[in-house]
Amino acid sequence: MSLTDAHCDIPNLGDYLQKLVEKQIDSNAYFNEWVQTELVPNAVNMEHCTLLENKKFILKEFQLFLDRKSINTDQYTLMVKSAFCNLWTLNDEYEEAIPEFFDNRKIVMDTIIEYLQANNVSDLFSSVMKYLKEQSYHSDWVENRFLYKIFRCYIFNKSKEQILGGLLAYYDHPSGITPQHRPAYQYVQYIFGFFFLLLIIWSFRYQFTEGYLSKYDEHTDQLMP
């Protein structure tokens, strides 16, 4: 059955397909803009260069982004449909970034430090990025959009000395927590430790008091006729 027999005849099919492809490209362009300017930055703590966990990316957020753009109805519908598929890929990319970041970040830091200590580079960011890309086991830090954002956070617009100092400090405090900003669980440990110490002191005092009173009673019994 031909397109004509099925009443699906499309005049100027070539032009139609070209416009469809162009619209799809425009759709991806808006989606990528949203990912780079809003979504990825919201998933990365730029102060400490860490990846935030338990983030979920929903279609409604992209729709709100499109609402701020001047887009006609036909384009809007196509972009939302395209974004629905792209979000699946994006969530997969995020899920892949989490274990890579938390399991291998120290290894990546060591790799960057060793490279900078051994090489006199002129274009710092491009040189380190190229080097990581050549290391197949670290290439995700350049290709994954979330890890790449963290990588830029470490490297971009800093001198070699600043990066080495910053990475070494980060290596000592990988979560970005300094001694002045301790996590809540450490304070809980201190509180339990304090109460445990009080319990030990109370136990010793109780045993001492009981022993003293027992000896006093024995001495009193001996003195009584």
C-alpha atoms as a PDB file:
ATOM      1  CA  MET A   1       0.000   0.000   0.000  1.00  0.00           C
ATOM      2  CA  SER A   2       1.369   3.388  -0.975  1.00  0.00           C
ATOM      3  CA  LEU A   3       1.109   6.619   0.972  1.00  0.00           C
ATOM      4  CA  THR A   4      -1.503   7.776  -1.565  1.00  0.00           C
ATOM      5  CA  ASP A   5      -3.653   4.655  -1.057  1.00  0.00           C
ATOM      6  CA  ALA A   6      -3.541   5.230   2.691  1.00  0.00           C
ATOM      7  CA  HIS A   7      -4.503   8.894   2.231  1.00  0.00           C
ATOM      8  CA  CYS A   8      -1.120   9.858   3.682  1.00  0.00           C
ATOM      9  CA  ASP A   9       0.231  11.560   0.594  1.00  0.00           C
ATOM     10  CA  ILE A  10       2.631  14.321   1.634  1.00  0.00           C
ATOM     11  CA  PRO A  11       3.406  16.952  -0.979  1.00  0.00           C
ATOM     12  CA  ASN A  12       7.059  17.966  -1.082  1.00  0.00           C
ATOM     13  CA  LEU A  13       8.093  15.073   1.159  1.00  0.00           C
ATOM     14  CA  GLY A  14      11.746  16.164   1.054  1.00  0.00           C
ATOM     15  CA  ASP A  15      10.918  19.646   2.339  1.00  0.00           C
ATOM     16  CA  TYR A  16       8.676  18.153   5.021  1.00  0.00           C
ATOM     17  CA  LEU A  17      11.418  15.838   6.303  1.00  0.00           C
ATOM     18  CA  GLN A  18      13.958  18.655   6.239  1.00  0.00           C
ATOM     19  CA  LYS A  19      11.685  20.883   8.340  1.00  0.00           C
ATOM     20  CA  LEU A  20      11.022  17.995  10.719  1.00  0.00           C
ATOM     21  CA  VAL A  21      14.754  17.479  11.193  1.00  0.00           C
ATOM     22  CA  GLU A  22      15.301  21.216  11.684  1.00  0.00           C
ATOM     23  CA  LYS A  23      12.563  21.340  14.321  1.00  0.00           C
ATOM     24  CA  GLN A  24      14.082  18.352  16.073  1.00  0.00           C
ATOM     25  CA  ILE A  25      17.459  20.090  16.099  1.00  0.00           C
ATOM     26  CA  ASP A  26      15.844  23.211  17.536  1.00  0.00           C
ATOM     27  CA  SER A  27      14.129  21.048  20.137  1.00  0.00           C
ATOM     28  CA  ASN A  28      17.412  19.505  21.236  1.00  0.00           C
ATOM     29  CA  ALA A  29      19.047  22.924  21.286  1.00  0.00           C
ATOM     30  CA  TYR A  30      16.500  24.232  23.803  1.00  0.00           C
ATOM     31  CA  PHE A  31      16.736  21.043  25.839  1.00  0.00           C
ATOM     32  CA  ASN A  32      20.538  21.208  25.950  1.00  0.00           C
ATOM     33  CA  GLU A  33      20.378  24.874  26.921  1.00  0.00           C
ATOM     34  CA  TRP A  34      18.064  23.988  29.822  1.00  0.00           C
ATOM     35  CA  VAL A  35      20.350  21.139  30.901  1.00  0.00           C
ATOM     36  CA  GLN A  36      23.498  23.287  30.838  1.00  0.00           C
ATOM     37  CA  THR A  37      22.081  26.466  32.389  1.00  0.00           C
ATOM     38  CA  GLU A  38      19.625  25.130  34.960  1.00  0.00           C
ATOM     39  CA  LEU A  39      19.500  21.377  35.469  1.00  0.00           C
ATOM     40  CA  VAL A  40      23.165  20.411  35.802  1.00  0.00           C
ATOM     41  CA  PRO A  41      24.097  23.442  37.969  1.00  0.00           C
ATOM     42  CA  ASN A  42      21.263  22.520  40.341  1.00  0.00           C
ATOM     43  CA  ALA A  43      22.711  19.004  40.682  1.00  0.00           C
ATOM     44  CA  VAL A  44      26.234  20.183  41.515  1.00  0.00           C
ATOM     45  CA  ASN A  45      27.365  22.040  44.616  1.00  0.00           C
ATOM     46  CA  MET A  46      29.638  24.634  43.018  1.00  0.00           C
ATOM     47  CA  GLU A  47      31.047  25.776  46.369  1.00  0.00           C
ATOM     48  CA  HIS A  48      32.547  22.377  47.176  1.00  0.00           C
ATOM     49  CA  CYS A  49      32.531  20.834  43.660  1.00  0.00           C
ATOM     50  CA  THR A  50      30.407  17.885  44.761  1.00  0.00           C
ATOM     51  CA  LEU A  51      27.556  16.008  43.135  1.00  0.00           C
ATOM     52  CA  LEU A  52      24.226  16.226  44.953  1.00  0.00           C
ATOM     53  CA  GLU A  53      22.424  12.919  45.449  1.00  0.00           C
ATOM     54  CA  ASN A  54      18.776  11.925  45.033  1.00  0.00           C
ATOM     55  CA  LYS A  55      18.012  14.437  42.292  1.00  0.00           C
ATOM     56  CA  LYS A  56      15.099  13.704  39.963  1.00  0.00           C
ATOM     57  CA  PHE A  57      14.595  15.521  36.692  1.00  0.00           C
ATOM     58  CA  ILE A  58      10.995  15.927  35.630  1.00  0.00           C
ATOM     59  CA  LEU A  59       9.386  17.118  32.428  1.00  0.00           C
ATOM     60  CA  LYS A  60       7.495  19.895  34.222  1.00  0.00           C
ATOM     61  CA  GLU A  61      10.778  21.717  34.894  1.00  0.00           C
ATOM     62  CA  PHE A  62      11.585  21.783  31.181  1.00  0.00           C
ATOM     63  CA  GLN A  63       8.068  23.006  30.407  1.00  0.00           C
ATOM     64  CA  LEU A  64       8.568  25.897  32.824  1.00  0.00           C
ATOM     65  CA  PHE A  65      11.808  26.693  31.003  1.00  0.00           C
ATOM     66  CA  LEU A  66       9.976  26.722  27.650  1.00  0.00           C
ATOM     67  CA  ASP A  67       7.277  28.974  29.077  1.00  0.00           C
ATOM     68  CA  ARG A  68       9.921  31.665  29.466  1.00  0.00           C
ATOM     69  CA  LYS A  69      10.798  31.395  25.769  1.00  0.00           C
ATOM     70  CA  SER A  70       8.846  32.694  22.779  1.00  0.00           C
ATOM     71  CA  ILE A  71       7.881  29.402  21.120  1.00  0.00           C
ATOM     72  CA  ASN A  72       4.876  28.672  18.913  1.00  0.00           C
ATOM     73  CA  THR A  73       2.457  25.855  19.738  1.00  0.00           C
ATOM     74  CA  ASP A  74       3.743  23.397  17.114  1.00  0.00           C
ATOM     75  CA  GLN A  75       7.325  23.743  18.269  1.00  0.00           C
ATOM     76  CA  TYR A  76       6.305  23.584  21.923  1.00  0.00           C
ATOM     77  CA  THR A  77       4.537  20.237  21.471  1.00  0.00           C
ATOM     78  CA  LEU A  78       7.462  18.754  19.558  1.00  0.00           C
ATOM     79  CA  MET A  79       9.961  19.944  22.145  1.00  0.00           C
ATOM     80  CA  VAL A  80       8.008  18.474  25.051  1.00  0.00           C
ATOM     81  CA  LYS A  81       7.719  15.109  23.278  1.00  0.00           C
ATOM     82  CA  SER A  82      11.420  15.126  22.436  1.00  0.00           C
ATOM     83  CA  ALA A  83      12.354  16.129  25.985  1.00  0.00           C
ATOM     84  CA  PHE A  84      10.405  13.181  27.385  1.00  0.00           C
ATOM     85  CA  CYS A  85      12.804  10.800  25.629  1.00  0.00           C
ATOM     86  CA  ASN A  86      15.865  12.905  26.418  1.00  0.00           C
ATOM     87  CA  LEU A  87      15.027  12.898  30.125  1.00  0.00           C
ATOM     88  CA  TRP A  88      15.350   9.126  30.261  1.00  0.00           C
ATOM     89  CA  THR A  89      18.875   9.414  28.872  1.00  0.00           C
ATOM     90  CA  LEU A  90      19.683  12.275  31.225  1.00  0.00           C
ATOM     91  CA  ASN A  91      18.547  10.380  34.316  1.00  0.00           C
ATOM     92  CA  ASP A  92      20.658   7.403  33.223  1.00  0.00           C
ATOM     93  CA  GLU A  93      23.628   9.730  32.822  1.00  0.00           C
ATOM     94  CA  TYR A  94      23.064  11.098  36.331  1.00  0.00           C
ATOM     95  CA  GLU A  95      22.750   7.607  37.832  1.00  0.00           C
ATOM     96  CA  GLU A  96      26.047   6.647  36.178  1.00  0.00           C
ATOM     97  CA  ALA A  97      27.751   9.786  37.499  1.00  0.00           C
ATOM     98  CA  ILE A  98      26.912   9.122  41.166  1.00  0.00           C
ATOM     99  CA  PRO A  99      29.007   5.954  41.736  1.00  0.00           C
ATOM    100  CA  GLU A 100      31.802   7.274  39.505  1.00  0.00           C
ATOM    101  CA  PHE A 101      32.010  10.462  41.573  1.00  0.00           C
ATOM    102  CA  PHE A 102      31.794   8.943  45.044  1.00  0.00           C
ATOM    103  CA  ASP A 103      33.930   5.857  44.302  1.00  0.00           C
ATOM    104  CA  ASN A 104      36.665   7.304  42.080  1.00  0.00           C
ATOM    105  CA  ARG A 105      37.003  11.009  42.841  1.00  0.00           C
ATOM    106  CA  LYS A 106      40.158  10.529  44.934  1.00  0.00           C
ATOM    107  CA  ILE A 107      41.741   8.487  42.147  1.00  0.00           C
ATOM    108  CA  VAL A 108      40.910  11.246  39.655  1.00  0.00           C
ATOM    109  CA  MET A 109      42.362  13.857  42.024  1.00  0.00           C
ATOM    110  CA  ASP A 110      45.588  11.849  42.264  1.00  0.00           C
ATOM    111  CA  THR A 111      45.703  11.550  38.473  1.00  0.00           C
ATOM    112  CA  ILE A 112      45.290  15.307  37.989  1.00  0.00           C
ATOM    113  CA  ILE A 113      47.868  16.125  40.668  1.00  0.00           C
ATOM    114  CA  GLU A 114      50.439  13.730  39.190  1.00  0.00           C
ATOM    115  CA  TYR A 115      49.870  15.140  35.699  1.00  0.00           C
ATOM    116  CA  LEU A 116      50.251  18.770  36.809  1.00  0.00           C
ATOM    117  CA  GLN A 117      53.347  18.023  38.871  1.00  0.00           C
ATOM    118  CA  ALA A 118      55.006  16.257  35.940  1.00  0.00           C
ATOM    119  CA  ASN A 119      54.033  18.623  33.110  1.00  0.00           C
ATOM    120  CA  ASN A 120      54.529  22.305  32.394  1.00  0.00           C
ATOM    121  CA  VAL A 121      51.251  23.130  30.644  1.00  0.00           C
ATOM    122  CA  SER A 122      50.230  26.423  29.059  1.00  0.00           C
ATOM    123  CA  ASP A 123      46.481  25.995  28.547  1.00  0.00           C
ATOM    124  CA  LEU A 124      45.656  24.418  31.886  1.00  0.00           C
ATOM    125  CA  PHE A 125      42.002  23.513  31.429  1.00  0.00           C
ATOM    126  CA  SER A 126      42.333  22.149  27.894  1.00  0.00           C
ATOM    127  CA  SER A 127      45.490  20.212  28.750  1.00  0.00           C
ATOM    128  CA  VAL A 128      44.001  18.474  31.771  1.00  0.00           C
ATOM    129  CA  MET A 129      40.741  17.804  29.924  1.00  0.00           C
ATOM    130  CA  LYS A 130      42.624  16.264  26.988  1.00  0.00           C
ATOM    131  CA  TYR A 131      44.706  14.150  29.354  1.00  0.00           C
ATOM    132  CA  LEU A 132      41.655  12.794  31.200  1.00  0.00           C
ATOM    133  CA  LYS A 133      39.912  12.060  27.920  1.00  0.00           C
ATOM    134  CA  GLU A 134      42.910  10.004  26.811  1.00  0.00           C
ATOM    135  CA  GLN A 135      42.691   7.961  30.018  1.00  0.00           C
ATOM    136  CA  SER A 136      39.850   5.621  29.090  1.00  0.00           C
ATOM    137  CA  TYR A 137      39.052   4.865  32.731  1.00  0.00           C
ATOM    138  CA  HIS A 138      38.645   8.606  33.470  1.00  0.00           C
ATOM    139  CA  SER A 139      37.014   9.737  30.215  1.00  0.00           C
ATOM    140  CA  ASP A 140      33.589   9.910  31.892  1.00  0.00           C
ATOM    141  CA  TRP A 141      34.794  13.016  33.725  1.00  0.00           C
ATOM    142  CA  VAL A 142      34.909  14.783  30.372  1.00  0.00           C
ATOM    143  CA  GLU A 143      31.992  13.108  28.575  1.00  0.00           C
ATOM    144  CA  ASN A 144      29.392  12.887  31.362  1.00  0.00           C
ATOM    145  CA  ARG A 145      27.660  16.255  31.738  1.00  0.00           C
ATOM    146  CA  PHE A 146      27.452  16.097  35.535  1.00  0.00           C
ATOM    147  CA  LEU A 147      31.033  14.953  36.068  1.00  0.00           C
ATOM    148  CA  TYR A 148      32.239  17.485  33.493  1.00  0.00           C
ATOM    149  CA  LYS A 149      30.604  20.269  35.518  1.00  0.00           C
ATOM    150  CA  ILE A 150      32.470  19.103  38.614  1.00  0.00           C
ATOM    151  CA  PHE A 151      35.689  18.867  36.602  1.00  0.00           C
ATOM    152  CA  ARG A 152      35.242  22.467  35.427  1.00  0.00           C
ATOM    153  CA  CYS A 153      34.550  23.484  39.016  1.00  0.00           C
ATOM    154  CA  TYR A 154      37.946  22.053  40.035  1.00  0.00           C
ATOM    155  CA  ILE A 155      40.020  23.367  37.154  1.00  0.00           C
ATOM    156  CA  PHE A 156      38.542  26.291  35.266  1.00  0.00           C
ATOM    157  CA  ASN A 157      40.029  29.799  35.603  1.00  0.00           C
ATOM    158  CA  LYS A 158      42.616  28.849  38.233  1.00  0.00           C
ATOM    159  CA  SER A 159      46.377  28.752  38.209  1.00  0.00           C
ATOM    160  CA  LYS A 160      48.317  25.518  38.459  1.00  0.00           C
ATOM    161  CA  GLU A 161      49.392  26.370  42.022  1.00  0.00           C
ATOM    162  CA  GLN A 162      45.819  27.177  43.082  1.00  0.00           C
ATOM    163  CA  ILE A 163      44.557  23.919  41.622  1.00  0.00           C
ATOM    164  CA  LEU A 164      47.234  21.844  43.322  1.00  0.00           C
ATOM    165  CA  GLY A 165      46.558  23.559  46.631  1.00  0.00           C
ATOM    166  CA  GLY A 166      42.800  23.275  46.201  1.00  0.00           C
ATOM    167  CA  LEU A 167      42.898  19.631  45.169  1.00  0.00           C
ATOM    168  CA  LEU A 168      45.168  18.713  48.053  1.00  0.00           C
ATOM    169  CA  ALA A 169      42.811  20.461  50.461  1.00  0.00           C
ATOM    170  CA  TYR A 170      39.893  18.690  48.834  1.00  0.00           C
ATOM    171  CA  TYR A 171      41.740  15.398  49.105  1.00  0.00           C
ATOM    172  CA  ASP A 172      42.005  15.951  52.871  1.00  0.00           C
ATOM    173  CA  HIS A 173      38.361  17.028  53.120  1.00  0.00           C
ATOM    174  CA  PRO A 174      36.620  15.314  50.177  1.00  0.00           C
ATOM    175  CA  SER A 175      33.139  16.316  51.248  1.00  0.00           C
ATOM    176  CA  GLY A 176      34.081  19.979  51.447  1.00  0.00           C
ATOM    177  CA  ILE A 177      33.646  19.903  55.227  1.00  0.00           C
ATOM    178  CA  THR A 178      36.200  21.889  57.180  1.00  0.00           C
ATOM    179  CA  PRO A 179      36.876  21.475  60.901  1.00  0.00           C
ATOM    180  CA  GLN A 180      34.746  24.564  61.491  1.00  0.00           C
ATOM    181  CA  HIS A 181      31.769  22.934  59.756  1.00  0.00           C
ATOM    182  CA  ARG A 182      31.382  19.447  61.170  1.00  0.00           C
ATOM    183  CA  PRO A 183      28.505  17.212  60.055  1.00  0.00           C
ATOM    184  CA  ALA A 184      25.631  16.644  62.453  1.00  0.00           C
ATOM    185  CA  TYR A 185      26.485  13.001  63.073  1.00  0.00           C
ATOM    186  CA  GLN A 186      29.803  14.015  64.651  1.00  0.00           C
ATOM    187  CA  TYR A 187      27.981  16.133  67.218  1.00  0.00           C
ATOM    188  CA  VAL A 188      25.707  13.184  67.970  1.00  0.00           C
ATOM    189  CA  GLN A 189      28.809  11.071  68.561  1.00  0.00           C
ATOM    190  CA  TYR A 190      30.163  13.690  70.950  1.00  0.00           C
ATOM    191  CA  ILE A 191      26.892  13.781  72.886  1.00  0.00           C
ATOM    192  CA  PHE A 192      26.741   9.992  73.212  1.00  0.00           C
ATOM    193  CA  GLY A 193      30.394   9.942  74.231  1.00  0.00           C
ATOM    194  CA  PHE A 194      29.741  12.549  76.923  1.00  0.00           C
ATOM    195  CA  PHE A 195      26.802  10.608  78.363  1.00  0.00           C
ATOM    196  CA  PHE A 196      28.827   7.383  78.229  1.00  0.00           C
ATOM    197  CA  LEU A 197      31.581   9.082  80.242  1.00  0.00           C
ATOM    198  CA  LEU A 198      29.020  10.253  82.804  1.00  0.00           C
ATOM    199  CA  LEU A 199      27.710   6.687  83.045  1.00  0.00           C
ATOM    200  CA  ILE A 200      31.214   5.366  83.776  1.00  0.00           C
ATOM    201  CA  ILE A 201      31.776   8.032  86.453  1.00  0.00           C
ATOM    202  CA  TRP A 202      28.396   7.298  88.023  1.00  0.00           C
ATOM    203  CA  SER A 203      29.166   3.553  88.012  1.00  0.00           C
ATOM    204  CA  PHE A 204      32.487   4.063  89.803  1.00  0.00           C
ATOM    205  CA  ARG A 205      30.917   6.379  92.355  1.00  0.00           C
ATOM    206  CA  TYR A 206      28.078   3.919  92.962  1.00  0.00           C
ATOM    207  CA  GLN A 207      30.500   1.033  93.501  1.00  0.00           C
ATOM    208  CA  PHE A 208      32.644   3.165  95.793  1.00  0.00           C
ATOM    209  CA  THR A 209      29.647   4.311  97.844  1.00  0.00           C
ATOM    210  CA  GLU A 210      28.244   0.806  98.151  1.00  0.00           C
ATOM    211  CA  GLY A 211      31.631  -0.552  99.245  1.00  0.00           C
ATOM    212  CA  TYR A 212      32.119   2.237 101.778  1.00  0.00           C
ATOM    213  CA  LEU A 213      28.651   1.768 103.294  1.00  0.00           C
ATOM    214  CA  SER A 214      29.154  -1.998 103.455  1.00  0.00           C
ATOM    215  CA  LYS A 215      32.421  -1.609 105.376  1.00  0.00           C
ATOM    216  CA  TYR A 216      30.782   0.981 107.653  1.00  0.00           C
ATOM    217  CA  ASP A 217      27.948  -1.424 108.485  1.00  0.00           C
ATOM    218  CA  GLU A 218      30.419  -4.221 109.262  1.00  0.00           C
ATOM    219  CA  HIS A 219      32.440  -1.925 111.538  1.00  0.00           C
ATOM    220  CA  THR A 220      29.266  -0.777 113.314  1.00  0.00           C
ATOM    221  CA  ASP A 221      28.132  -4.353 113.893  1.00  0.00           C
ATOM    222  CA  GLN A 222      31.469  -5.196 115.509  1.00  0.00           C
ATOM    223  CA  LEU A 223      31.220  -2.265 117.920  1.00  0.00           C
ATOM    224  CA  MET A 224      27.686  -3.048 119.033  1.00  0.00           C
ATOM    225  CA  PRO A 225      27.384  -5.379 122.143  1.00  0.00           C
END
